[in-house]
C-alpha cells in the first residue's frame, strides 16, 4: 500500500477544482485503500484526493475513525444538488493543522455521485455528516475552510499559520 503525503494550505493542488474520475479500475481501488489508511493515520474523519496530491474527485469519509465498518464510505465525483438550512460550527482540516475556524454550512444536502461499482446515486444527508461531506466536496472544488470565513478571520488564521511555520510546527 502506498504511503501518502499530506498536502497543506498554500500548495497548488489544493487551490483548483479536481478532475472527474472517468474509470473505476484497480489503480483507483488501490488509491482508495491507501487513502483510507492515510485518513486513519492522519487521525481524520475525511480525506479528499487533492489533500494527498491527486487532483481527482475522490474522497473517503468515516465518522467512526475506523471503529465501525458501516460508517466508512467513498465519494466519487460527488456534487451537491440541493442544500438548505444554515448552521455554524468549528471545523479543523488536515491540510491546515492546528487551526480551527467557525465555518457556516448547510444543515441538509442532496448529494449525487458514483458508487464503487460505477452506478450513479442520489442521497440526502443531514447534520454532522452533511457538514463533513460539504467540507470534502469543498476540497474537490479547490476550497478550504480558510476560504469560508471573513477576511479578518482569514488574515488572523494566516498569521497563525506563519507563526506555526516559523516555529517548525507546520
C-alpha atoms as a PDB file:
ATOM      1  CA  UNK A   1       0.000   0.000   0.000  1.00  0.00           C
ATOM      2  CA  UNK A   2       1.331   3.411  -0.990  1.00  0.00           C
ATOM      3  CA  UNK A   3       2.314   5.756   1.862  1.00  0.00           C
ATOM      4  CA  UNK A   4       0.727   9.113   1.145  1.00  0.00           C
ATOM      5  CA  UNK A   5       1.963  12.612   1.944  1.00  0.00           C
ATOM      6  CA  UNK A   6      -0.475  15.193   3.271  1.00  0.00           C
ATOM      7  CA  UNK A   7      -0.519  18.446   1.298  1.00  0.00           C
ATOM      8  CA  UNK A   8      -1.019  21.617   3.317  1.00  0.00           C
ATOM      9  CA  UNK A   9      -2.500  25.062   2.853  1.00  0.00           C
ATOM     10  CA  UNK A  10      -0.616  27.027   0.209  1.00  0.00           C
ATOM     11  CA  UNK A  11       0.240  24.054  -2.004  1.00  0.00           C
ATOM     12  CA  UNK A  12      -1.062  24.390  -5.565  1.00  0.00           C
ATOM     13  CA  UNK A  13      -3.056  21.144  -5.789  1.00  0.00           C
ATOM     14  CA  UNK A  14      -5.411  22.397  -3.052  1.00  0.00           C
ATOM     15  CA  UNK A  15      -6.332  25.549  -4.993  1.00  0.00           C
ATOM     16  CA  UNK A  16      -8.032  24.108  -8.074  1.00  0.00           C
ATOM     17  CA  UNK A  17     -11.126  22.132  -8.976  1.00  0.00           C
ATOM     18  CA  UNK A  18     -10.267  18.456  -9.308  1.00  0.00           C
ATOM     19  CA  UNK A  19     -10.944  16.369 -12.425  1.00  0.00           C
ATOM     20  CA  UNK A  20     -13.861  13.955 -12.721  1.00  0.00           C
ATOM     21  CA  UNK A  21     -12.980  10.275 -12.440  1.00  0.00           C
ATOM     22  CA  UNK A  22     -13.666   8.543 -15.740  1.00  0.00           C
ATOM     23  CA  UNK A  23     -12.772   4.916 -14.922  1.00  0.00           C
ATOM     24  CA  UNK A  24     -13.115   2.834 -11.805  1.00  0.00           C
ATOM     25  CA  UNK A  25     -10.221   0.404 -12.099  1.00  0.00           C
ATOM     26  CA  UNK A  26      -7.754  -1.421  -9.869  1.00  0.00           C
ATOM     27  CA  UNK A  27      -5.452   1.606  -9.725  1.00  0.00           C
ATOM     28  CA  UNK A  28      -8.313   3.685  -8.313  1.00  0.00           C
ATOM     29  CA  UNK A  29      -9.278   0.936  -5.838  1.00  0.00           C
ATOM     30  CA  UNK A  30      -5.643   0.788  -4.652  1.00  0.00           C
ATOM     31  CA  UNK A  31      -5.624   4.581  -4.218  1.00  0.00           C
ATOM     32  CA  UNK A  32      -8.884   4.429  -2.239  1.00  0.00           C
ATOM     33  CA  UNK A  33      -7.394   1.793   0.072  1.00  0.00           C
ATOM     34  CA  UNK A  34      -4.267   3.925   0.571  1.00  0.00           C
ATOM     35  CA  UNK A  35      -6.425   6.998   1.242  1.00  0.00           C
ATOM     36  CA  UNK A  36      -8.494   5.116   3.803  1.00  0.00           C
ATOM     37  CA  UNK A  37      -5.372   4.071   5.688  1.00  0.00           C
ATOM     38  CA  UNK A  38      -3.906   7.572   5.414  1.00  0.00           C
ATOM     39  CA  UNK A  39      -7.140   9.101   6.753  1.00  0.00           C
ATOM     40  CA  UNK A  40      -6.833   6.914   9.852  1.00  0.00           C
ATOM     41  CA  UNK A  41      -3.071   7.521  10.153  1.00  0.00           C
ATOM     42  CA  UNK A  42      -3.629  11.306   9.955  1.00  0.00           C
ATOM     43  CA  UNK A  43      -6.446  10.949  12.534  1.00  0.00           C
ATOM     44  CA  UNK A  44      -9.068  12.430  10.241  1.00  0.00           C
ATOM     45  CA  UNK A  45     -12.708  11.611   9.584  1.00  0.00           C
ATOM     46  CA  UNK A  46     -12.461  12.617   5.927  1.00  0.00           C
ATOM     47  CA  UNK A  47      -9.782  12.865   3.270  1.00  0.00           C
ATOM     48  CA  UNK A  48     -10.066  14.266  -0.245  1.00  0.00           C
ATOM     49  CA  UNK A  49      -7.706  13.242  -3.052  1.00  0.00           C
ATOM     50  CA  UNK A  50      -6.264  16.770  -3.513  1.00  0.00           C
ATOM     51  CA  UNK A  51      -5.046  16.578   0.100  1.00  0.00           C
ATOM     52  CA  UNK A  52      -2.705  13.769  -0.955  1.00  0.00           C
ATOM     53  CA  UNK A  53      -1.695  15.455  -4.210  1.00  0.00           C
ATOM     54  CA  UNK A  54      -4.185  13.811  -6.573  1.00  0.00           C
ATOM     55  CA  UNK A  55      -6.397  16.262  -8.439  1.00  0.00           C
ATOM     56  CA  UNK A  56      -9.359  13.917  -8.883  1.00  0.00           C
ATOM     57  CA  UNK A  57     -12.881  13.995  -7.437  1.00  0.00           C
ATOM     58  CA  UNK A  58     -12.475  11.334  -4.778  1.00  0.00           C
ATOM     59  CA  UNK A  59     -12.928  11.408  -1.007  1.00  0.00           C
ATOM     60  CA  UNK A  60     -13.088   8.925   1.862  1.00  0.00           C
ATOM     61  CA  UNK A  61     -15.190   9.522   4.986  1.00  0.00           C
ATOM     62  CA  UNK A  62     -15.527   7.646   8.269  1.00  0.00           C
ATOM     63  CA  UNK A  63     -17.062   9.441  11.244  1.00  0.00           C
ATOM     64  CA  UNK A  64     -16.122   6.500  13.477  1.00  0.00           C
ATOM     65  CA  UNK A  65     -12.373   6.797  12.697  1.00  0.00           C
ATOM     66  CA  UNK A  66     -12.218   3.093  11.868  1.00  0.00           C
ATOM     67  CA  UNK A  67     -14.297   1.865  14.799  1.00  0.00           C
ATOM     68  CA  UNK A  68     -17.400   0.912  12.791  1.00  0.00           C
ATOM     69  CA  UNK A  69     -17.033  -0.569   9.289  1.00  0.00           C
ATOM     70  CA  UNK A  70     -20.558   0.633   8.368  1.00  0.00           C
ATOM     71  CA  UNK A  71     -19.542   4.289   8.871  1.00  0.00           C
ATOM     72  CA  UNK A  72     -16.894   4.221   6.121  1.00  0.00           C
ATOM     73  CA  UNK A  73     -17.781   5.319   2.600  1.00  0.00           C
ATOM     74  CA  UNK A  74     -16.237   6.665  -0.581  1.00  0.00           C
ATOM     75  CA  UNK A  75     -17.359   9.624  -2.682  1.00  0.00           C
ATOM     76  CA  UNK A  76     -16.597   9.537  -6.409  1.00  0.00           C
ATOM     77  CA  UNK A  77     -17.440  12.630  -8.488  1.00  0.00           C
ATOM     78  CA  UNK A  78     -19.760  13.970  -5.775  1.00  0.00           C
ATOM     79  CA  UNK A  79     -21.738  17.144  -6.228  1.00  0.00           C
ATOM     80  CA  UNK A  80     -24.364  18.820  -4.132  1.00  0.00           C
ATOM     81  CA  UNK A  81     -27.675  19.152  -5.962  1.00  0.00           C
ATOM     82  CA  UNK A  82     -29.662  20.913  -3.246  1.00  0.00           C
ATOM     83  CA  UNK A  83     -28.818  22.441   0.108  1.00  0.00           C
ATOM     84  CA  UNK A  84     -30.865  24.078   2.832  1.00  0.00           C
ATOM     85  CA  UNK A  85     -30.652  25.233   6.423  1.00  0.00           C
ATOM     86  CA  UNK A  86     -27.798  27.134   7.979  1.00  0.00           C
ATOM     87  CA  UNK A  87     -25.511  26.343  10.885  1.00  0.00           C
ATOM     88  CA  UNK A  88     -22.082  27.428  12.084  1.00  0.00           C
ATOM     89  CA  UNK A  89     -19.623  25.124  13.771  1.00  0.00           C
ATOM     90  CA  UNK A  90     -15.916  24.994  14.457  1.00  0.00           C
ATOM     91  CA  UNK A  91     -14.033  22.873  11.913  1.00  0.00           C
ATOM     92  CA  UNK A  92     -10.498  21.676  11.605  1.00  0.00           C
ATOM     93  CA  UNK A  93      -8.750  20.461   8.480  1.00  0.00           C
ATOM     94  CA  UNK A  94      -5.869  18.056   7.993  1.00  0.00           C
ATOM     95  CA  UNK A  95      -4.430  20.454   5.409  1.00  0.00           C
ATOM     96  CA  UNK A  96      -4.457  23.349   7.903  1.00  0.00           C
ATOM     97  CA  UNK A  97      -3.072  21.693  11.047  1.00  0.00           C
ATOM     98  CA  UNK A  98      -3.504  23.305  14.485  1.00  0.00           C
ATOM     99  CA  UNK A  99      -6.128  25.763  13.178  1.00  0.00           C
ATOM    100  CA  UNK A 100      -9.870  25.623  13.875  1.00  0.00           C
ATOM    101  CA  UNK A 101     -12.316  28.039  12.285  1.00  0.00           C
ATOM    102  CA  UNK A 102     -16.051  28.591  12.693  1.00  0.00           C
ATOM    103  CA  UNK A 103     -17.495  27.739   9.293  1.00  0.00           C
ATOM    104  CA  UNK A 104     -21.062  28.222   8.042  1.00  0.00           C
ATOM    105  CA  UNK A 105     -22.594  25.167   6.329  1.00  0.00           C
ATOM    106  CA  UNK A 106     -25.962  23.915   5.197  1.00  0.00           C
ATOM    107  CA  UNK A 107     -27.710  21.519   7.565  1.00  0.00           C
ATOM    108  CA  UNK A 108     -29.217  19.339   4.810  1.00  0.00           C
ATOM    109  CA  UNK A 109     -27.857  18.407   1.405  1.00  0.00           C
ATOM    110  CA  UNK A 110     -28.885  16.269  -1.529  1.00  0.00           C
ATOM    111  CA  UNK A 111     -25.777  14.642  -2.975  1.00  0.00           C
ATOM    112  CA  UNK A 112     -25.210  12.920  -6.308  1.00  0.00           C
ATOM    113  CA  UNK A 113     -22.186  10.839  -7.163  1.00  0.00           C
ATOM    114  CA  UNK A 114     -20.983   7.462  -8.366  1.00  0.00           C
ATOM    115  CA  UNK A 115     -20.634   4.260  -6.344  1.00  0.00           C
ATOM    116  CA  UNK A 116     -17.580   1.992  -6.467  1.00  0.00           C
ATOM    117  CA  UNK A 117     -19.447  -0.262  -8.890  1.00  0.00           C
ATOM    118  CA  UNK A 118     -19.946   2.659 -11.287  1.00  0.00           C
ATOM    119  CA  UNK A 119     -23.612   3.346 -10.616  1.00  0.00           C
ATOM    120  CA  UNK A 120     -24.987   6.836 -10.078  1.00  0.00           C
ATOM    121  CA  UNK A 121     -26.562   7.542  -6.701  1.00  0.00           C
ATOM    122  CA  UNK A 122     -28.549  10.343  -5.100  1.00  0.00           C
ATOM    123  CA  UNK A 123     -28.872  10.581  -1.323  1.00  0.00           C
ATOM    124  CA  UNK A 124     -29.919  13.087   1.306  1.00  0.00           C
ATOM    125  CA  UNK A 125     -27.713  13.827   4.317  1.00  0.00           C
ATOM    126  CA  UNK A 126     -28.398  15.935   7.401  1.00  0.00           C
ATOM    127  CA  UNK A 127     -26.497  17.241  10.384  1.00  0.00           C
ATOM    128  CA  UNK A 128     -22.848  16.495  11.053  1.00  0.00           C
ATOM    129  CA  UNK A 129     -22.398  14.048   8.159  1.00  0.00           C
ATOM    130  CA  UNK A 130     -23.772  16.709   5.785  1.00  0.00           C
ATOM    131  CA  UNK A 131     -21.158  19.117   7.172  1.00  0.00           C
ATOM    132  CA  UNK A 132     -18.319  16.623   6.660  1.00  0.00           C
ATOM    133  CA  UNK A 133     -19.433  15.890   3.088  1.00  0.00           C
ATOM    134  CA  UNK A 134     -19.575  19.625   2.297  1.00  0.00           C
ATOM    135  CA  UNK A 135     -16.049  20.004   3.720  1.00  0.00           C
ATOM    136  CA  UNK A 136     -14.719  17.218   1.466  1.00  0.00           C
ATOM    137  CA  UNK A 137     -16.635  18.453  -1.613  1.00  0.00           C
ATOM    138  CA  UNK A 138     -15.093  21.885  -0.967  1.00  0.00           C
ATOM    139  CA  UNK A 139     -11.634  20.269  -1.242  1.00  0.00           C
ATOM    140  CA  UNK A 140     -12.634  18.778  -4.597  1.00  0.00           C
ATOM    141  CA  UNK A 141     -13.654  22.259  -5.748  1.00  0.00           C
ATOM    142  CA  UNK A 142     -10.424  23.938  -4.608  1.00  0.00           C
ATOM    143  CA  UNK A 143     -11.802  25.478  -1.400  1.00  0.00           C
ATOM    144  CA  UNK A 144     -10.604  25.176   2.177  1.00  0.00           C
ATOM    145  CA  UNK A 145     -12.175  26.256   5.465  1.00  0.00           C
ATOM    146  CA  UNK A 146      -9.999  29.373   5.437  1.00  0.00           C
ATOM    147  CA  UNK A 147     -11.821  30.411   2.231  1.00  0.00           C
ATOM    148  CA  UNK A 148     -15.191  30.237   4.023  1.00  0.00           C
ATOM    149  CA  UNK A 149     -14.500  32.769   6.780  1.00  0.00           C
ATOM    150  CA  UNK A 150     -14.484  36.559   6.852  1.00  0.00           C
ATOM    151  CA  UNK A 151     -11.433  38.443   5.538  1.00  0.00           C
ATOM    152  CA  UNK A 152     -10.477  39.391   9.115  1.00  0.00           C
ATOM    153  CA  UNK A 153     -10.631  35.784  10.374  1.00  0.00           C
ATOM    154  CA  UNK A 154      -8.736  34.648   7.260  1.00  0.00           C
ATOM    155  CA  UNK A 155      -5.983  37.203   7.966  1.00  0.00           C
ATOM    156  CA  UNK A 156      -5.740  36.082  11.619  1.00  0.00           C
ATOM    157  CA  UNK A 157      -5.528  32.422  10.535  1.00  0.00           C
ATOM    158  CA  UNK A 158      -2.784  33.256   8.028  1.00  0.00           C
ATOM    159  CA  UNK A 159      -0.796  34.986  10.784  1.00  0.00           C
ATOM    160  CA  UNK A 160      -1.166  31.907  12.978  1.00  0.00           C
ATOM    161  CA  UNK A 161      -0.011  29.674  10.098  1.00  0.00           C
ATOM    162  CA  UNK A 162       3.034  31.910   9.612  1.00  0.00           C
ATOM    163  CA  UNK A 163       3.887  31.538  13.328  1.00  0.00           C
ATOM    164  CA  UNK A 164       3.439  27.756  13.149  1.00  0.00           C
ATOM    165  CA  UNK A 165       5.789  27.600  10.152  1.00  0.00           C
ATOM    166  CA  UNK A 166       8.390  29.789  11.925  1.00  0.00           C
ATOM    167  CA  UNK A 167       8.220  27.531  15.000  1.00  0.00           C
ATOM    168  CA  UNK A 168       8.605  24.356  12.905  1.00  0.00           C
ATOM    169  CA  UNK A 169       5.126  23.132  13.890  1.00  0.00           C
ATOM    170  CA  UNK A 170       3.765  23.177  10.340  1.00  0.00           C
END
